[in-house]
Amino acid sequence: MAYKKKILDPFPEILTGMFKNWGFTFIREKGKILDAHTVQAGEQKISAEYIVIGTGQRNARLNIEGKEFLHGSREFLDIEEMPEHLICIGAGIISMEFASMALVLGKKVTFIEFANRPLLAYPEKYVKKIVEKMTAQGAKFYCGEAVNKVEKISENYKVTTKSGLSVEGTYVLDATGRVANYEELGLENLGIEASRRGIVVDEYLRTKVKNIFASGDVIDKKIPKLTPTASFESEYIAEQILGKNNLPICYPVIPNLVFTLPRIGQVGVTLDEAEKSADKYKIISIPYGVQNEWIDNRETEIEIDFIVDNEGFLAGATIYGSEAGTWLDFLTLIINKKITGDELKKMIFAFPTQTYMIATLLTDILKKSK
């Protein structure tokens, strides 16, 4: 926590200074759009040719009895000591990541999840492995449960579900999702569609008012809402405004992962999609950790699934392992550039490294030149 504060606390002033050096005018006020070309910021009215909305998301909060005892992810990331017993409402990315830290520190964790399993967006076979590992570390999972009450009992908090399940702990994390910051921006006066899911945009990231764009997590989209995605969108909007790009936005494949211990990561076509479209894709599962124990810090549980399309190009990949993030970046390049097996053979990688072994595997799996 001390290191986090050392690194992050100076950031706002550093960024403000950078903006000023670049010629930005920086106004610390709540903004409201008055019309297609005017924004109210405090007492000021600012006119502009273009407006970009980048207000992001915030933690969702359950509207239940005792909601004042719930904590969001931002609050959790500011605690000075790890709670002795963490109760996670929801078993999605945030709570699974935070729980991994708590369990390593020897704390108790209880999950209460409305769905029938944790991490619905990730492959069940790998989610099952991380759940088994967390259970062995002392975590408890209750799925198919809807929380309806939180109350303070002495120094603890009791969480109760509609089915009658009750759990006592020292800290309650509400990790039931995130909602877009679209309210009080004046959108309804301009006919701009928006909801908790986000602001509706077209293929150019424009709202119904064509000179008003939206970027990042505030957009209503199926594309993963991630930091690099927001950067990609903002670069695209800048090119639109500067007249450098008049084409609809075209997203490359986007790697995403859960920072559990170990990680679960995926990019491109998912395992679930590939299994449902067996006529289009072939899944090649590799027990990578067992085969390469000598190079993977003896992490024998690592597994990789390569998803190859009918032309022989890599279309997707899923990884269960501590280095999943780094490997996904390497595989993302191969997918986006449609690199063939023969092209990989013409490259020389550092040896002995983990990516060297992955490249070696792919040379025989991917499309060969005619």
Protein backbone atom coordinates (compact mmCIF):
# COMPACT_ATOMS: atom_id res chain seq x y z
CA MET A 1 0.00 0.00 0.00
CA ALA A 2 2.88 2.38 0.77
CA TYR A 3 4.40 1.65 -2.64
CA LYS A 4 1.03 2.18 -4.35
CA LYS A 5 0.65 5.60 -2.71
CA LYS A 6 4.21 6.55 -3.60
CA ILE A 7 3.58 5.78 -7.28
CA LEU A 8 -0.04 6.89 -7.74
CA ASP A 9 -0.57 9.85 -5.40
CA PRO A 10 1.55 12.27 -7.50
CA PHE A 11 -0.20 11.21 -10.73
CA PRO A 12 -3.01 13.81 -10.86
CA GLU A 13 -0.60 16.74 -10.61
CA ILE A 14 1.86 15.13 -13.02
CA LEU A 15 -0.87 14.61 -15.62
CA THR A 16 -2.24 18.12 -15.13
CA GLY A 17 1.25 19.48 -15.73
CA MET A 18 1.60 17.38 -18.88
CA PHE A 19 -1.74 18.66 -20.20
CA LYS A 20 -0.69 22.26 -19.61
CA ASN A 21 2.63 21.70 -21.38
CA TRP A 22 0.75 20.35 -24.38
CA GLY A 23 -1.45 23.44 -24.48
CA PHE A 24 -4.57 21.98 -22.89
CA THR A 25 -6.95 24.09 -20.85
CA PHE A 26 -7.75 22.07 -17.73
CA ILE A 27 -10.97 22.94 -15.85
CA ARG A 28 -11.83 21.15 -12.58
CA GLU A 29 -15.63 21.38 -12.74
CA LYS A 30 -18.59 19.11 -13.37
CA GLY A 31 -19.50 19.39 -17.05
CA LYS A 32 -22.95 19.46 -18.64
CA ILE A 33 -23.64 19.59 -22.37
CA LEU A 34 -26.07 22.41 -23.19
CA ASP A 35 -26.24 21.97 -26.96
CA ALA A 36 -24.23 20.44 -29.81
CA HIS A 37 -21.39 22.93 -29.33
CA THR A 38 -21.61 24.18 -25.73
CA VAL A 39 -20.53 22.73 -22.39
CA GLN A 40 -21.33 24.31 -19.03
CA ALA A 41 -18.44 23.92 -16.57
CA GLY A 42 -19.21 25.60 -13.28
CA GLU A 43 -19.95 29.23 -14.16
CA GLN A 44 -18.26 28.99 -17.56
CA LYS A 45 -19.81 28.17 -20.91
CA ILE A 46 -17.33 26.70 -23.37
CA SER A 47 -17.94 26.50 -27.11
CA ALA A 48 -16.29 23.85 -29.27
CA GLU A 49 -16.54 22.29 -32.70
CA TYR A 50 -16.34 18.80 -31.22
CA ILE A 51 -17.16 17.28 -27.84
CA VAL A 52 -15.83 13.95 -26.55
CA ILE A 53 -17.46 12.23 -23.57
CA GLY A 54 -15.03 10.06 -21.59
CA THR A 55 -16.70 9.83 -18.19
CA GLY A 56 -16.06 6.10 -17.66
CA GLN A 57 -17.80 3.80 -15.21
CA ARG A 58 -18.24 3.46 -11.47
CA ASN A 59 -18.89 0.55 -9.13
CA ALA A 60 -22.48 -0.66 -9.10
CA ARG A 61 -24.03 -0.75 -5.61
CA LEU A 62 -26.71 -3.16 -4.50
CA ASN A 63 -29.84 -1.35 -3.37
CA ILE A 64 -30.46 -3.52 -0.30
CA GLU A 65 -30.93 -3.10 3.42
CA GLY A 66 -27.53 -2.30 4.95
CA LYS A 67 -26.00 -1.05 1.69
CA GLU A 68 -24.07 1.53 3.72
CA PHE A 69 -21.84 -1.32 4.95
CA LEU A 70 -20.76 -2.32 1.42
CA HIS A 71 -17.41 -1.35 -0.08
CA GLY A 72 -16.42 -0.99 -3.72
CA SER A 73 -13.14 -1.82 -5.45
CA ARG A 74 -11.68 1.69 -5.03
CA GLU A 75 -12.23 1.56 -1.27
CA PHE A 76 -10.72 -1.91 -1.06
CA LEU A 77 -7.60 -0.71 -2.85
CA ASP A 78 -7.09 1.93 -0.13
CA ILE A 79 -7.26 -0.33 2.93
CA GLU A 80 -4.14 -0.38 5.13
CA GLU A 81 -4.55 -4.00 6.30
CA MET A 82 -6.10 -7.03 4.64
CA PRO A 83 -9.40 -8.02 6.37
CA GLU A 84 -9.37 -11.27 8.34
CA HIS A 85 -12.51 -12.49 6.58
CA LEU A 86 -13.43 -10.99 3.22
CA ILE A 87 -16.99 -11.56 1.98
CA CYS A 88 -17.26 -11.00 -1.78
CA ILE A 89 -20.70 -10.36 -3.21
CA GLY A 90 -20.17 -11.45 -6.78
CA ALA A 91 -17.48 -13.77 -8.14
CA GLY A 92 -16.39 -11.84 -11.20
CA ILE A 93 -13.01 -10.44 -12.17
CA ILE A 94 -12.64 -7.89 -9.34
CA SER A 95 -13.56 -10.14 -6.44
CA MET A 96 -11.60 -13.14 -7.77
CA GLU A 97 -8.48 -10.97 -8.15
CA PHE A 98 -8.79 -9.38 -4.70
CA ALA A 99 -9.56 -12.74 -3.10
CA SER A 100 -6.39 -14.22 -4.61
CA MET A 101 -4.37 -11.63 -2.68
CA ALA A 102 -6.28 -12.22 0.55
CA LEU A 103 -5.87 -15.99 0.37
CA VAL A 104 -2.11 -15.73 -0.23
CA LEU A 105 -1.95 -13.61 2.94
CA GLY A 106 -3.71 -16.38 4.87
CA LYS A 107 -7.10 -14.65 5.22
CA LYS A 108 -10.57 -16.20 4.92
CA VAL A 109 -12.69 -15.49 1.84
CA THR A 110 -16.35 -16.25 1.14
CA PHE A 111 -17.97 -15.69 -2.26
CA ILE A 112 -21.71 -15.20 -2.72
CA GLU A 113 -22.54 -15.28 -6.44
CA PHE A 114 -25.91 -14.86 -8.16
CA ALA A 115 -24.90 -16.89 -11.25
CA ASN A 116 -24.30 -20.63 -11.28
CA ARG A 117 -20.50 -20.25 -11.38
CA PRO A 118 -17.73 -17.64 -11.07
CA LEU A 119 -16.18 -15.81 -14.05
CA LEU A 120 -18.89 -16.56 -16.60
CA ALA A 121 -16.94 -14.89 -19.41
CA TYR A 122 -14.01 -17.29 -19.08
CA PRO A 123 -13.61 -21.00 -19.94
CA GLU A 124 -15.29 -23.23 -17.38
CA LYS A 125 -12.47 -25.77 -17.32
CA TYR A 126 -9.95 -23.13 -16.21
CA VAL A 127 -12.35 -21.39 -13.85
CA LYS A 128 -12.91 -24.77 -12.21
CA LYS A 129 -9.15 -25.13 -11.68
CA ILE A 130 -8.80 -21.73 -10.01
CA VAL A 131 -11.90 -22.37 -7.86
CA GLU A 132 -10.41 -25.69 -6.73
CA LYS A 133 -7.13 -23.97 -5.87
CA MET A 134 -8.87 -21.20 -3.94
CA THR A 135 -11.03 -23.75 -2.11
CA ALA A 136 -7.89 -25.62 -1.07
CA GLN A 137 -6.58 -22.29 0.29
CA GLY A 138 -9.72 -21.94 2.42
CA ALA A 139 -12.18 -20.03 0.22
CA LYS A 140 -15.88 -20.92 0.20
CA PHE A 141 -18.14 -20.46 -2.82
CA TYR A 142 -21.94 -20.11 -2.69
CA CYS A 143 -23.47 -19.81 -6.17
CA GLY A 144 -27.07 -19.23 -7.18
CA GLU A 145 -27.57 -16.88 -4.21
CA ALA A 146 -29.08 -13.38 -4.15
CA VAL A 147 -27.99 -11.10 -1.30
CA ASN A 148 -30.82 -9.08 0.27
CA LYS A 149 -29.40 -7.78 3.55
CA VAL A 150 -26.20 -6.72 5.31
CA GLU A 151 -26.13 -5.89 9.01
CA LYS A 152 -23.45 -4.98 11.56
CA ILE A 153 -22.99 -7.53 14.33
CA SER A 154 -20.53 -6.18 16.92
CA GLU A 155 -17.22 -5.85 15.01
CA ASN A 156 -18.39 -8.06 12.14
CA TYR A 157 -20.92 -7.86 9.31
CA LYS A 158 -23.55 -10.45 8.50
CA VAL A 159 -24.63 -10.99 4.90
CA THR A 160 -27.95 -12.74 4.32
CA THR A 161 -29.38 -14.09 1.05
CA LYS A 162 -32.98 -14.60 -0.07
CA SER A 163 -32.62 -18.36 0.44
CA GLY A 164 -31.66 -17.86 4.10
CA LEU A 165 -27.89 -18.33 3.80
CA SER A 166 -25.98 -16.09 6.23
CA VAL A 167 -22.24 -15.42 6.49
CA GLU A 168 -20.32 -13.29 8.99
CA GLY A 169 -17.09 -11.53 8.09
CA THR A 170 -14.99 -8.45 8.78
CA TYR A 171 -15.31 -6.72 5.36
CA VAL A 172 -17.98 -6.86 2.65
CA LEU A 173 -16.98 -6.18 -0.96
CA ASP A 174 -19.75 -5.34 -3.42
CA ALA A 175 -18.33 -6.55 -6.74
CA THR A 176 -21.60 -6.86 -8.63
CA GLY A 177 -20.45 -5.00 -11.73
CA ARG A 178 -19.91 -1.49 -13.03
CA VAL A 179 -22.29 1.09 -14.49
CA ALA A 180 -21.68 3.94 -16.91
CA ASN A 181 -21.42 7.55 -15.70
CA TYR A 182 -24.04 8.97 -18.06
CA GLU A 183 -26.34 10.84 -15.67
CA GLU A 184 -26.51 14.65 -15.35
CA LEU A 185 -24.50 15.23 -18.54
CA GLY A 186 -27.44 16.77 -20.41
CA LEU A 187 -27.66 13.87 -22.86
CA GLU A 188 -31.44 13.56 -22.71
CA ASN A 189 -31.87 17.17 -23.90
CA LEU A 190 -29.96 16.35 -27.08
CA GLY A 191 -31.70 13.02 -27.71
CA ILE A 192 -28.51 11.04 -27.03
CA GLU A 193 -29.37 7.48 -25.98
CA ALA A 194 -27.75 6.19 -22.80
CA SER A 195 -28.34 3.75 -19.94
CA ARG A 196 -26.44 2.00 -17.18
CA ARG A 197 -24.76 0.00 -19.96
CA GLY A 198 -23.40 3.19 -21.52
CA ILE A 199 -23.86 5.74 -24.29
CA VAL A 200 -25.08 4.46 -27.66
CA VAL A 201 -22.68 5.31 -30.52
CA ASP A 202 -22.42 4.45 -34.22
CA GLU A 203 -19.53 2.76 -36.04
CA TYR A 204 -17.62 6.07 -35.88
CA LEU A 205 -18.07 6.36 -32.09
CA ARG A 206 -20.47 9.27 -32.68
CA THR A 207 -23.62 9.80 -30.66
CA LYS A 208 -26.88 10.86 -32.33
CA VAL A 209 -25.34 14.33 -32.40
CA LYS A 210 -22.64 13.75 -35.00
CA ASN A 211 -20.00 16.10 -33.59
CA ILE A 212 -20.30 14.58 -30.10
CA PHE A 213 -18.25 11.41 -29.60
CA ALA A 214 -17.93 8.95 -26.71
CA SER A 215 -14.79 7.03 -25.79
CA GLY A 216 -13.81 4.34 -23.31
CA ASP A 217 -15.86 2.57 -20.66
CA VAL A 218 -18.82 4.95 -20.97
CA ILE A 219 -19.70 3.45 -24.39
CA ASP A 220 -22.45 0.83 -24.61
CA LYS A 221 -20.47 -1.96 -26.31
CA LYS A 222 -19.63 -5.65 -26.26
CA ILE A 223 -15.93 -4.95 -26.82
CA PRO A 224 -13.98 -5.49 -23.55
CA LYS A 225 -13.97 -2.30 -21.47
CA LEU A 226 -10.25 -2.09 -20.80
CA THR A 227 -7.64 0.66 -20.53
CA PRO A 228 -5.94 -0.16 -23.86
CA THR A 229 -9.35 -0.31 -25.57
CA ALA A 230 -10.11 3.23 -24.34
CA SER A 231 -6.73 4.43 -25.60
CA PHE A 232 -7.37 2.83 -28.99
CA GLU A 233 -10.78 4.54 -29.22
CA SER A 234 -9.42 7.94 -28.23
CA GLU A 235 -6.66 7.72 -30.86
CA TYR A 236 -9.34 6.82 -33.42
CA ILE A 237 -11.53 9.79 -32.46
CA ALA A 238 -8.52 12.13 -32.69
CA GLU A 239 -7.87 10.88 -36.23
CA GLN A 240 -11.54 11.46 -37.08
CA ILE A 241 -11.45 15.04 -35.81
CA LEU A 242 -8.13 15.79 -37.53
CA GLY A 243 -9.41 14.37 -40.83
CA LYS A 244 -6.83 11.58 -40.93
CA ASN A 245 -9.35 8.71 -40.91
CA ASN A 246 -12.85 8.59 -42.37
CA LEU A 247 -13.40 4.84 -42.00
CA PRO A 248 -15.56 3.11 -39.37
CA ILE A 249 -13.64 1.94 -36.31
CA CYS A 250 -12.13 -1.52 -36.76
CA TYR A 251 -11.09 -3.22 -33.53
CA PRO A 252 -8.23 -5.71 -33.59
CA VAL A 253 -8.48 -8.76 -31.35
CA ILE A 254 -8.25 -7.65 -27.72
CA PRO A 255 -6.44 -9.75 -25.10
CA ASN A 256 -8.00 -9.82 -21.66
CA LEU A 257 -7.14 -11.66 -18.50
CA VAL A 258 -8.04 -12.16 -14.88
CA PHE A 259 -5.21 -11.41 -12.45
CA THR A 260 -5.89 -14.38 -10.24
CA LEU A 261 -3.00 -16.57 -9.08
CA PRO A 262 -2.39 -18.06 -11.62
CA ARG A 263 -3.91 -15.95 -14.40
CA ILE A 264 -6.67 -16.91 -16.80
CA GLY A 265 -6.34 -15.14 -20.16
CA GLN A 266 -7.93 -15.23 -23.58
CA VAL A 267 -7.70 -13.44 -26.91
CA GLY A 268 -9.66 -13.65 -30.16
CA VAL A 269 -12.16 -16.49 -30.64
CA THR A 270 -13.03 -17.98 -27.25
CA LEU A 271 -13.16 -21.66 -26.37
CA ASP A 272 -16.92 -21.46 -26.02
CA GLU A 273 -17.29 -19.88 -29.48
CA ALA A 274 -14.97 -22.45 -31.03
CA GLU A 275 -16.83 -25.37 -29.45
CA LYS A 276 -20.14 -24.03 -30.79
CA SER A 277 -18.65 -23.61 -34.29
CA ALA A 278 -16.69 -26.84 -34.67
CA ASP A 279 -17.10 -26.60 -38.46
CA LYS A 280 -15.09 -23.34 -38.48
CA TYR A 281 -12.44 -23.88 -35.80
CA LYS A 282 -10.12 -26.53 -34.45
CA ILE A 283 -9.07 -26.50 -30.79
CA ILE A 284 -5.57 -27.74 -29.97
CA SER A 285 -5.03 -28.18 -26.24
CA ILE A 286 -1.44 -28.24 -24.97
CA PRO A 287 -0.44 -29.39 -21.44
CA TYR A 288 2.29 -26.76 -21.66
CA GLY A 289 3.44 -26.88 -18.04
CA VAL A 290 3.95 -30.64 -18.05
CA GLN A 291 5.80 -30.55 -21.38
CA ASN A 292 8.01 -27.60 -20.44
CA GLU A 293 8.48 -27.93 -16.69
CA TRP A 294 12.18 -27.14 -17.05
CA ILE A 295 11.51 -23.70 -18.54
CA ASP A 296 8.35 -22.65 -16.69
CA ASN A 297 9.56 -22.42 -13.10
CA ARG A 298 8.09 -25.89 -12.54
CA GLU A 299 4.56 -24.53 -12.93
CA THR A 300 3.22 -27.81 -14.24
CA GLU A 301 -0.44 -26.72 -14.14
CA ILE A 302 -0.05 -24.37 -17.15
CA GLU A 303 -2.36 -25.14 -20.07
CA ILE A 304 -2.82 -23.47 -23.45
CA ASP A 305 -5.61 -23.85 -25.99
CA PHE A 306 -4.87 -22.70 -29.53
CA ILE A 307 -7.90 -22.06 -31.74
CA VAL A 308 -7.13 -22.36 -35.46
CA ASP A 309 -9.53 -21.43 -38.26
CA ASN A 310 -10.18 -23.42 -41.46
CA GLU A 311 -7.47 -21.51 -43.31
CA GLY A 312 -4.88 -22.50 -40.74
CA PHE A 313 -4.48 -19.10 -39.09
CA LEU A 314 -4.47 -18.63 -35.33
CA ALA A 315 -7.91 -17.22 -34.46
CA GLY A 316 -7.80 -17.34 -30.68
CA ALA A 317 -6.01 -18.62 -27.60
CA THR A 318 -6.77 -19.31 -23.98
CA ILE A 319 -4.12 -19.66 -21.28
CA TYR A 320 -4.10 -20.82 -17.67
CA GLY A 321 -0.80 -19.81 -16.11
CA SER A 322 1.13 -17.10 -14.29
CA GLU A 323 2.67 -15.64 -17.46
CA ALA A 324 -0.62 -15.54 -19.39
CA GLY A 325 -0.51 -11.77 -19.93
CA THR A 326 2.90 -11.71 -21.62
CA TRP A 327 2.09 -14.71 -23.78
CA LEU A 328 -1.26 -13.23 -24.83
CA ASP A 329 0.53 -10.14 -26.17
CA PHE A 330 2.76 -12.39 -28.31
CA LEU A 331 -0.22 -14.40 -29.57
CA THR A 332 -2.24 -11.23 -30.23
CA LEU A 333 0.45 -10.12 -32.68
CA ILE A 334 0.31 -13.49 -34.46
CA ILE A 335 -3.49 -13.33 -34.74
CA ASN A 336 -3.69 -9.70 -35.91
CA LYS A 337 -0.89 -10.08 -38.47
CA LYS A 338 -2.06 -13.55 -39.62
CA ILE A 339 1.45 -14.92 -39.24
CA THR A 340 1.89 -18.39 -40.75
CA GLY A 341 3.89 -21.33 -39.48
CA ASP A 342 6.47 -20.84 -42.25
CA GLU A 343 6.89 -17.17 -41.35
CA LEU A 344 7.53 -18.13 -37.72
CA LYS A 345 10.21 -20.59 -38.87
CA LYS A 346 12.06 -17.70 -40.52
CA MET A 347 12.30 -15.85 -37.19
CA ILE A 348 14.85 -16.48 -34.44
CA PHE A 349 13.71 -16.05 -30.83
CA ALA A 350 15.74 -15.93 -27.63
CA PHE A 351 16.47 -19.37 -26.15
CA PRO A 352 15.60 -20.83 -23.73
CA THR A 353 12.48 -18.74 -23.16
CA GLN A 354 8.80 -19.51 -22.78
CA THR A 355 7.86 -17.61 -25.95
CA TYR A 356 10.48 -19.58 -27.87
CA MET A 357 8.68 -22.77 -26.90
CA ILE A 358 5.28 -21.31 -27.86
CA ALA A 359 6.61 -20.22 -31.25
CA THR A 360 8.06 -23.69 -31.78
CA LEU A 361 4.68 -25.26 -31.05
CA LEU A 362 2.91 -22.91 -33.46
CA THR A 363 5.21 -23.56 -36.41
CA ASP A 364 3.70 -27.02 -36.80
CA ILE A 365 0.13 -25.96 -35.97
CA LEU A 366 -0.35 -22.95 -38.23
CA LYS A 367 -0.89 -22.57 -41.97
CA LYS A 368 2.00 -23.45 -44.25
CA SER A 369 2.88 -21.53 -47.41
CA LYS A 370 1.69 -23.10 -50.63
